[in-house]
Amino acid sequence: MARKYPANVIQQGIDVLEGLKQITPPITIDGWDSADLEADLASAAPISNQMSALKGQITTLRNQRDDIYNAIWFKIKRLSDISR
């Protein structure tokens, strides 16, 4: 799925929220207000944190797999060297 948002969308959201909070009385834009944007920003943080943790886990698992694959390959190569 292609991203339809800029890489710095969270920072832009924070900046816009700061600006919206300075407007009195609060405004509603197309049915949403600063509280809706604030809720979206709050919802994004735990998901981002979870994704970062999962990236770390997959890196660890990939490294473990590669170590085992290298050990298997070493044994296969060693056996073929002996059999010659």
PDB file of N, CA and C in Angstrom:
ATOM      1  N   MET A   1       0.852  -1.173   0.000  1.00  0.00           N
ATOM      2  CA  MET A   1       0.000   0.000   0.000  1.00  0.00           C
ATOM      3  C   MET A   1       0.900   1.238   0.000  1.00  0.00           C
ATOM      4  N   ALA A   2       0.676   2.115  -0.926  1.00  0.00           N
ATOM      5  CA  ALA A   2       1.474   3.338  -1.031  1.00  0.00           C
ATOM      6  C   ALA A   2       1.091   4.320   0.071  1.00  0.00           C
ATOM      7  N   ARG A   3       2.085   4.973   0.599  1.00  0.00           N
ATOM      8  CA  ARG A   3       1.824   5.990   1.613  1.00  0.00           C
ATOM      9  C   ARG A   3       1.236   7.222   0.947  1.00  0.00           C
ATOM     10  N   LYS A   4       0.249   7.780   1.589  1.00  0.00           N
ATOM     11  CA  LYS A   4      -0.391   8.995   1.086  1.00  0.00           C
ATOM     12  C   LYS A   4      -0.149  10.150   2.045  1.00  0.00           C
ATOM     13  N   TYR A   5       0.938  10.060   2.794  1.00  0.00           N
ATOM     14  CA  TYR A   5       1.256  11.095   3.776  1.00  0.00           C
ATOM     15  C   TYR A   5       2.765  11.336   3.766  1.00  0.00           C
ATOM     16  N   PRO A   6       3.197  12.523   4.177  1.00  0.00           N
ATOM     17  CA  PRO A   6       4.632  12.815   4.201  1.00  0.00           C
ATOM     18  C   PRO A   6       5.322  12.106   5.374  1.00  0.00           C
ATOM     19  N   ALA A   7       6.617  11.933   5.268  1.00  0.00           N
ATOM     20  CA  ALA A   7       7.389  11.250   6.310  1.00  0.00           C
ATOM     21  C   ALA A   7       7.300  11.974   7.656  1.00  0.00           C
ATOM     22  N   ASN A   8       7.100  13.270   7.637  1.00  0.00           N
ATOM     23  CA  ASN A   8       7.053  14.037   8.889  1.00  0.00           C
ATOM     24  C   ASN A   8       5.622  14.389   9.300  1.00  0.00           C
ATOM     25  N   VAL A   9       4.682  13.521   8.981  1.00  0.00           N
ATOM     26  CA  VAL A   9       3.261  13.807   9.253  1.00  0.00           C
ATOM     27  C   VAL A   9       2.994  14.021  10.742  1.00  0.00           C
ATOM     28  N   ILE A  10       3.673  13.291  11.610  1.00  0.00           N
ATOM     29  CA  ILE A  10       3.444  13.457  13.053  1.00  0.00           C
ATOM     30  C   ILE A  10       3.889  14.850  13.495  1.00  0.00           C
ATOM     31  N   GLN A  11       5.068  15.266  13.069  1.00  0.00           N
ATOM     32  CA  GLN A  11       5.545  16.596  13.452  1.00  0.00           C
ATOM     33  C   GLN A  11       4.631  17.683  12.891  1.00  0.00           C
ATOM     34  N   GLN A  12       4.182  17.493  11.654  1.00  0.00           N
ATOM     35  CA  GLN A  12       3.248  18.467  11.088  1.00  0.00           C
ATOM     36  C   GLN A  12       1.954  18.505  11.899  1.00  0.00           C
ATOM     37  N   GLY A  13       1.474  17.336  12.303  1.00  0.00           N
ATOM     38  CA  GLY A  13       0.261  17.271  13.118  1.00  0.00           C
ATOM     39  C   GLY A  13       0.425  17.987  14.445  1.00  0.00           C
ATOM     40  N   ILE A  14       1.586  17.793  15.070  1.00  0.00           N
ATOM     41  CA  ILE A  14       1.877  18.465  16.341  1.00  0.00           C
ATOM     42  C   ILE A  14       1.901  19.978  16.144  1.00  0.00           C
ATOM     43  N   ASP A  15       2.552  20.422  15.072  1.00  0.00           N
ATOM     44  CA  ASP A  15       2.630  21.860  14.789  1.00  0.00           C
ATOM     45  C   ASP A  15       1.247  22.458  14.538  1.00  0.00           C
ATOM     46  N   VAL A  16       0.433  21.750  13.746  1.00  0.00           N
ATOM     47  CA  VAL A  16      -0.924  22.239  13.461  1.00  0.00           C
ATOM     48  C   VAL A  16      -1.749  22.263  14.734  1.00  0.00           C
ATOM     49  N   LEU A  17      -1.620  21.221  15.552  1.00  0.00           N
ATOM     50  CA  LEU A  17      -2.376  21.177  16.808  1.00  0.00           C
ATOM     51  C   LEU A  17      -2.011  22.352  17.707  1.00  0.00           C
ATOM     52  N   GLU A  18      -0.737  22.665  17.799  1.00  0.00           N
ATOM     53  CA  GLU A  18      -0.318  23.822  18.600  1.00  0.00           C
ATOM     54  C   GLU A  18      -0.970  25.108  18.091  1.00  0.00           C
ATOM     55  N   GLY A  19      -1.030  25.250  16.774  1.00  0.00           N
ATOM     56  CA  GLY A  19      -1.663  26.428  16.202  1.00  0.00           C
ATOM     57  C   GLY A  19      -3.164  26.457  16.462  1.00  0.00           C
ATOM     58  N   LEU A  20      -3.813  25.302  16.294  1.00  0.00           N
ATOM     59  CA  LEU A  20      -5.261  25.236  16.519  1.00  0.00           C
ATOM     60  C   LEU A  20      -5.619  25.569  17.962  1.00  0.00           C
ATOM     61  N   LYS A  21      -4.781  25.152  18.888  1.00  0.00           N
ATOM     62  CA  LYS A  21      -5.071  25.406  20.302  1.00  0.00           C
ATOM     63  C   LYS A  21      -4.997  26.896  20.653  1.00  0.00           C
ATOM     64  N   GLN A  22      -4.371  27.668  19.805  1.00  0.00           N
ATOM     65  CA  GLN A  22      -4.260  29.107  20.060  1.00  0.00           C
ATOM     66  C   GLN A  22      -5.467  29.883  19.512  1.00  0.00           C
ATOM     67  N   ILE A  23      -6.315  29.230  18.770  1.00  0.00           N
ATOM     68  CA  ILE A  23      -7.482  29.889  18.180  1.00  0.00           C
ATOM     69  C   ILE A  23      -8.650  29.819  19.154  1.00  0.00           C
ATOM     70  N   THR A  24      -9.208  30.990  19.472  1.00  0.00           N
ATOM     71  CA  THR A  24     -10.401  31.032  20.308  1.00  0.00           C
ATOM     72  C   THR A  24     -11.451  31.880  19.620  1.00  0.00           C
ATOM     73  N   PRO A  25     -12.650  31.419  19.585  1.00  0.00           N
ATOM     74  CA  PRO A  25     -13.113  30.123  20.059  1.00  0.00           C
ATOM     75  C   PRO A  25     -12.589  29.015  19.135  1.00  0.00           C
ATOM     76  N   PRO A  26     -12.530  27.776  19.661  1.00  0.00           N
ATOM     77  CA  PRO A  26     -12.051  26.654  18.847  1.00  0.00           C
ATOM     78  C   PRO A  26     -12.871  26.524  17.565  1.00  0.00           C
ATOM     79  N   ILE A  27     -12.205  26.080  16.501  1.00  0.00           N
ATOM     80  CA  ILE A  27     -12.898  25.933  15.215  1.00  0.00           C
ATOM     81  C   ILE A  27     -13.058  24.464  14.859  1.00  0.00           C
ATOM     82  N   THR A  28     -14.057  24.222  14.011  1.00  0.00           N
ATOM     83  CA  THR A  28     -14.288  22.887  13.464  1.00  0.00           C
ATOM     84  C   THR A  28     -14.062  22.970  11.966  1.00  0.00           C
ATOM     85  N   ILE A  29     -13.309  22.006  11.436  1.00  0.00           N
ATOM     86  CA  ILE A  29     -12.980  21.983  10.012  1.00  0.00           C
ATOM     87  C   ILE A  29     -13.480  20.664   9.436  1.00  0.00           C
ATOM     88  N   ASP A  30     -14.409  20.741   8.505  1.00  0.00           N
ATOM     89  CA  ASP A  30     -14.963  19.532   7.875  1.00  0.00           C
ATOM     90  C   ASP A  30     -15.376  18.474   8.895  1.00  0.00           C
ATOM     91  N   GLY A  31     -15.911  18.892  10.020  1.00  0.00           N
ATOM     92  CA  GLY A  31     -16.426  17.952  11.011  1.00  0.00           C
ATOM     93  C   GLY A  31     -15.414  17.501  12.053  1.00  0.00           C
ATOM     94  N   TRP A  32     -14.195  17.957  11.996  1.00  0.00           N
ATOM     95  CA  TRP A  32     -13.215  17.604  13.028  1.00  0.00           C
ATOM     96  C   TRP A  32     -12.661  18.865  13.679  1.00  0.00           C
ATOM     97  N   ASP A  33     -12.146  18.692  14.896  1.00  0.00           N
ATOM     98  CA  ASP A  33     -11.567  19.824  15.610  1.00  0.00           C
ATOM     99  C   ASP A  33     -10.226  19.410  16.217  1.00  0.00           C
ATOM    100  N   SER A  34      -9.649  20.297  17.003  1.00  0.00           N
ATOM    101  CA  SER A  34      -8.322  20.027  17.567  1.00  0.00           C
ATOM    102  C   SER A  34      -8.317  18.782  18.454  1.00  0.00           C
ATOM    103  N   ALA A  35      -9.417  18.510  19.129  1.00  0.00           N
ATOM    104  CA  ALA A  35      -9.497  17.314  19.979  1.00  0.00           C
ATOM    105  C   ALA A  35      -9.381  16.043  19.140  1.00  0.00           C
ATOM    106  N   ASP A  36      -9.984  16.039  17.946  1.00  0.00           N
ATOM    107  CA  ASP A  36      -9.890  14.877  17.059  1.00  0.00           C
ATOM    108  C   ASP A  36      -8.448  14.664  16.592  1.00  0.00           C
ATOM    109  N   LEU A  37      -7.786  15.755  16.218  1.00  0.00           N
ATOM    110  CA  LEU A  37      -6.393  15.667  15.789  1.00  0.00           C
ATOM    111  C   LEU A  37      -5.517  15.201  16.947  1.00  0.00           C
ATOM    112  N   GLU A  38      -5.766  15.722  18.126  1.00  0.00           N
ATOM    113  CA  GLU A  38      -4.993  15.318  19.307  1.00  0.00           C
ATOM    114  C   GLU A  38      -5.175  13.829  19.599  1.00  0.00           C
ATOM    115  N   ALA A  39      -6.395  13.333  19.460  1.00  0.00           N
ATOM    116  CA  ALA A  39      -6.668  11.906  19.678  1.00  0.00           C
ATOM    117  C   ALA A  39      -5.939  11.047  18.648  1.00  0.00           C
ATOM    118  N   ASP A  40      -5.935  11.486  17.393  1.00  0.00           N
ATOM    119  CA  ASP A  40      -5.215  10.745  16.351  1.00  0.00           C
ATOM    120  C   ASP A  40      -3.722  10.686  16.646  1.00  0.00           C
ATOM    121  N   LEU A  41      -3.165  11.820  17.057  1.00  0.00           N
ATOM    122  CA  LEU A  41      -1.736  11.852  17.388  1.00  0.00           C
ATOM    123  C   LEU A  41      -1.427  10.924  18.570  1.00  0.00           C
ATOM    124  N   ALA A  42      -2.301  10.918  19.557  1.00  0.00           N
ATOM    125  CA  ALA A  42      -2.114  10.046  20.722  1.00  0.00           C
ATOM    126  C   ALA A  42      -2.220   8.571  20.326  1.00  0.00           C
ATOM    127  N   SER A  43      -3.084   8.255  19.379  1.00  0.00           N
ATOM    128  CA  SER A  43      -3.246   6.875  18.920  1.00  0.00           C
ATOM    129  C   SER A  43      -2.058   6.396  18.103  1.00  0.00           C
ATOM    130  N   ALA A  44      -1.384   7.305  17.436  1.00  0.00           N
ATOM    131  CA  ALA A  44      -0.267   6.939  16.568  1.00  0.00           C
ATOM    132  C   ALA A  44       0.956   6.502  17.371  1.00  0.00           C
ATOM    133  N   ALA A  45       1.208   7.106  18.499  1.00  0.00           N
ATOM    134  CA  ALA A  45       2.427   6.832  19.275  1.00  0.00           C
ATOM    135  C   ALA A  45       2.560   5.372  19.696  1.00  0.00           C
ATOM    136  N   PRO A  46       1.547   4.753  20.303  1.00  0.00           N
ATOM    137  CA  PRO A  46       1.715   3.354  20.716  1.00  0.00           C
ATOM    138  C   PRO A  46       1.910   2.411  19.520  1.00  0.00           C
ATOM    139  N   ILE A  47       1.255   2.717  18.412  1.00  0.00           N
ATOM    140  CA  ILE A  47       1.414   1.874  17.219  1.00  0.00           C
ATOM    141  C   ILE A  47       2.842   1.978  16.700  1.00  0.00           C
ATOM    142  N   SER A  48       3.367   3.189  16.644  1.00  0.00           N
ATOM    143  CA  SER A  48       4.756   3.400  16.216  1.00  0.00           C
ATOM    144  C   SER A  48       5.727   2.684  17.141  1.00  0.00           C
ATOM    145  N   ASN A  49       5.483   2.788  18.437  1.00  0.00           N
ATOM    146  CA  ASN A  49       6.351   2.113  19.408  1.00  0.00           C
ATOM    147  C   ASN A  49       6.309   0.601  19.237  1.00  0.00           C
ATOM    148  N   GLN A  50       5.123   0.060  19.012  1.00  0.00           N
ATOM    149  CA  GLN A  50       4.985  -1.376  18.817  1.00  0.00           C
ATOM    150  C   GLN A  50       5.705  -1.819  17.546  1.00  0.00           C
ATOM    151  N   MET A  51       5.583  -1.027  16.484  1.00  0.00           N
ATOM    152  CA  MET A  51       6.272  -1.357  15.230  1.00  0.00           C
ATOM    153  C   MET A  51       7.786  -1.353  15.423  1.00  0.00           C
ATOM    154  N   SER A  52       8.299  -0.393  16.170  1.00  0.00           N
ATOM    155  CA  SER A  52       9.738  -0.341  16.440  1.00  0.00           C
ATOM    156  C   SER A  52      10.193  -1.577  17.209  1.00  0.00           C
ATOM    157  N   ALA A  53       9.407  -1.983  18.194  1.00  0.00           N
ATOM    158  CA  ALA A  53       9.750  -3.178  18.971  1.00  0.00           C
ATOM    159  C   ALA A  53       9.747  -4.416  18.082  1.00  0.00           C
ATOM    160  N   LEU A  54       8.766  -4.513  17.200  1.00  0.00           N
ATOM    161  CA  LEU A  54       8.691  -5.670  16.308  1.00  0.00           C
ATOM    162  C   LEU A  54       9.843  -5.690  15.312  1.00  0.00           C
ATOM    163  N   LYS A  55      10.274  -4.507  14.867  1.00  0.00           N
ATOM    164  CA  LYS A  55      11.441  -4.444  13.976  1.00  0.00           C
ATOM    165  C   LYS A  55      12.664  -4.995  14.687  1.00  0.00           C
ATOM    166  N   GLY A  56      12.822  -4.643  15.954  1.00  0.00           N
ATOM    167  CA  GLY A  56      13.945  -5.165  16.731  1.00  0.00           C
ATOM    168  C   GLY A  56      13.870  -6.669  16.880  1.00  0.00           C
ATOM    169  N   GLN A  57      12.673  -7.193  17.115  1.00  0.00           N
ATOM    170  CA  GLN A  57      12.493  -8.637  17.259  1.00  0.00           C
ATOM    171  C   GLN A  57      12.816  -9.358  15.954  1.00  0.00           C
ATOM    172  N   ILE A  58      12.358  -8.815  14.842  1.00  0.00           N
ATOM    173  CA  ILE A  58      12.606  -9.487  13.571  1.00  0.00           C
ATOM    174  C   ILE A  58      14.085  -9.445  13.213  1.00  0.00           C
ATOM    175  N   THR A  59      14.772  -8.363  13.581  1.00  0.00           N
ATOM    176  CA  THR A  59      16.221  -8.294  13.344  1.00  0.00           C
ATOM    177  C   THR A  59      16.928  -9.377  14.154  1.00  0.00           C
ATOM    178  N   THR A  60      16.537  -9.533  15.413  1.00  0.00           N
ATOM    179  CA  THR A  60      17.130 -10.573  16.254  1.00  0.00           C
ATOM    180  C   THR A  60      16.865 -11.956  15.677  1.00  0.00           C
ATOM    181  N   LEU A  61      15.626 -12.207  15.280  1.00  0.00           N
ATOM    182  CA  LEU A  61      15.293 -13.514  14.693  1.00  0.00           C
ATOM    183  C   LEU A  61      16.044 -13.751  13.390  1.00  0.00           C
ATOM    184  N   ARG A  62      16.172 -12.721  12.558  1.00  0.00           N
ATOM    185  CA  ARG A  62      16.896 -12.854  11.293  1.00  0.00           C
ATOM    186  C   ARG A  62      18.365 -13.194  11.554  1.00  0.00           C
ATOM    187  N   ASN A  63      18.957 -12.550  12.546  1.00  0.00           N
ATOM    188  CA  ASN A  63      20.344 -12.842  12.888  1.00  0.00           C
ATOM    189  C   ASN A  63      20.509 -14.274  13.396  1.00  0.00           C
ATOM    190  N   GLN A  64      19.572 -14.734  14.222  1.00  0.00           N
ATOM    191  CA  GLN A  64      19.614 -16.114  14.716  1.00  0.00           C
ATOM    192  C   GLN A  64      19.476 -17.098  13.561  1.00  0.00           C
ATOM    193  N   ARG A  65      18.546 -16.829  12.660  1.00  0.00           N
ATOM    194  CA  ARG A  65      18.367 -17.691  11.493  1.00  0.00           C
ATOM    195  C   ARG A  65      19.636 -17.731  10.657  1.00  0.00           C
ATOM    196  N   ASP A  66      20.233 -16.569  10.411  1.00  0.00           N
ATOM    197  CA  ASP A  66      21.445 -16.513   9.597  1.00  0.00           C
ATOM    198  C   ASP A  66      22.580 -17.293  10.237  1.00  0.00           C
ATOM    199  N   ASP A  67      22.723 -17.227  11.553  1.00  0.00           N
ATOM    200  CA  ASP A  67      23.755 -18.007  12.240  1.00  0.00           C
ATOM    201  C   ASP A  67      23.544 -19.497  12.029  1.00  0.00           C
ATOM    202  N   ILE A  68      22.291 -19.937  12.155  1.00  0.00           N
ATOM    203  CA  ILE A  68      21.990 -21.358  11.964  1.00  0.00           C
ATOM    204  C   ILE A  68      22.213 -21.756  10.508  1.00  0.00           C
ATOM    205  N   TYR A  69      21.756 -20.939   9.562  1.00  0.00           N
ATOM    206  CA  TYR A  69      21.969 -21.235   8.144  1.00  0.00           C
ATOM    207  C   TYR A  69      23.453 -21.313   7.812  1.00  0.00           C
ATOM    208  N   ASN A  70      24.257 -20.414   8.403  1.00  0.00           N
ATOM    209  CA  ASN A  70      25.702 -20.455   8.172  1.00  0.00           C
ATOM    210  C   ASN A  70      26.309 -21.742   8.729  1.00  0.00           C
ATOM    211  N   ALA A  71      25.835 -22.174   9.888  1.00  0.00           N
ATOM    212  CA  ALA A  71      26.332 -23.424  10.474  1.00  0.00           C
ATOM    213  C   ALA A  71      25.960 -24.611   9.583  1.00  0.00           C
ATOM    214  N   ILE A  72      24.740 -24.612   9.081  1.00  0.00           N
ATOM    215  CA  ILE A  72      24.312 -25.685   8.176  1.00  0.00           C
ATOM    216  C   ILE A  72      25.167 -25.675   6.918  1.00  0.00           C
ATOM    217  N   TRP A  73      25.366 -24.521   6.339  1.00  0.00           N
ATOM    218  CA  TRP A  73      26.152 -24.404   5.112  1.00  0.00           C
ATOM    219  C   TRP A  73      27.596 -24.847   5.342  1.00  0.00           C
ATOM    220  N   PHE A  74      28.171 -24.478   6.485  1.00  0.00           N
ATOM    221  CA  PHE A  74      29.524 -24.900   6.806  1.00  0.00           C
ATOM    222  C   PHE A  74      29.610 -26.422   6.833  1.00  0.00           C
ATOM    223  N   LYS A  75      28.640 -27.059   7.471  1.00  0.00           N
ATOM    224  CA  LYS A  75      28.644 -28.528   7.568  1.00  0.00           C
ATOM    225  C   LYS A  75      28.489 -29.169   6.194  1.00  0.00           C
ATOM    226  N   ILE A  76      27.612 -28.616   5.367  1.00  0.00           N
ATOM    227  CA  ILE A  76      27.415 -29.147   4.013  1.00  0.00           C
ATOM    228  C   ILE A  76      28.704 -29.015   3.215  1.00  0.00           C
ATOM    229  N   LYS A  77      29.331 -27.838   3.262  1.00  0.00           N
ATOM    230  CA  LYS A  77      30.579 -27.628   2.513  1.00  0.00           C
ATOM    231  C   LYS A  77      31.674 -28.550   3.030  1.00  0.00           C
ATOM    232  N   ARG A  78      31.754 -28.697   4.350  1.00  0.00           N
ATOM    233  CA  ARG A  78      32.786 -29.546   4.941  1.00  0.00           C
ATOM    234  C   ARG A  78      32.609 -30.989   4.499  1.00  0.00           C
ATOM    235  N   LEU A  79      31.377 -31.475   4.477  1.00  0.00           N
ATOM    236  CA  LEU A  79      31.107 -32.830   4.040  1.00  0.00           C
ATOM    237  C   LEU A  79      31.491 -33.027   2.587  1.00  0.00           C
ATOM    238  N   SER A  80      31.192 -32.064   1.754  1.00  0.00           N
ATOM    239  CA  SER A  80      31.537 -32.203   0.331  1.00  0.00           C
ATOM    240  C   SER A  80      33.047 -32.141   0.137  1.00  0.00           C
ATOM    241  N   ASP A  81      33.770 -31.401   0.990  1.00  0.00           N
ATOM    242  CA  ASP A  81      35.234 -31.362   0.912  1.00  0.00           C
ATOM    243  C   ASP A  81      35.829 -32.724   1.282  1.00  0.00           C
ATOM    244  N   ILE A  82      35.262 -33.362   2.283  1.00  0.00           N
ATOM    245  CA  ILE A  82      35.760 -34.658   2.749  1.00  0.00           C
ATOM    246  C   ILE A  82      35.486 -35.737   1.710  1.00  0.00           C
ATOM    247  N   SER A  83      34.340 -35.663   1.066  1.00  0.00           N
ATOM    248  CA  SER A  83      33.938 -36.710   0.133  1.00  0.00           C
ATOM    249  C   SER A  83      34.686 -36.669  -1.174  1.00  0.00           C
ATOM    250  N   ARG A  84      35.506 -35.664  -1.399  1.00  0.00           N
ATOM    251  CA  ARG A  84      36.253 -35.579  -2.667  1.00  0.00           C
ATOM    252  C   ARG A  84      37.474 -36.401  -2.631  1.00  0.00           C
TER     253      ARG A  84
END
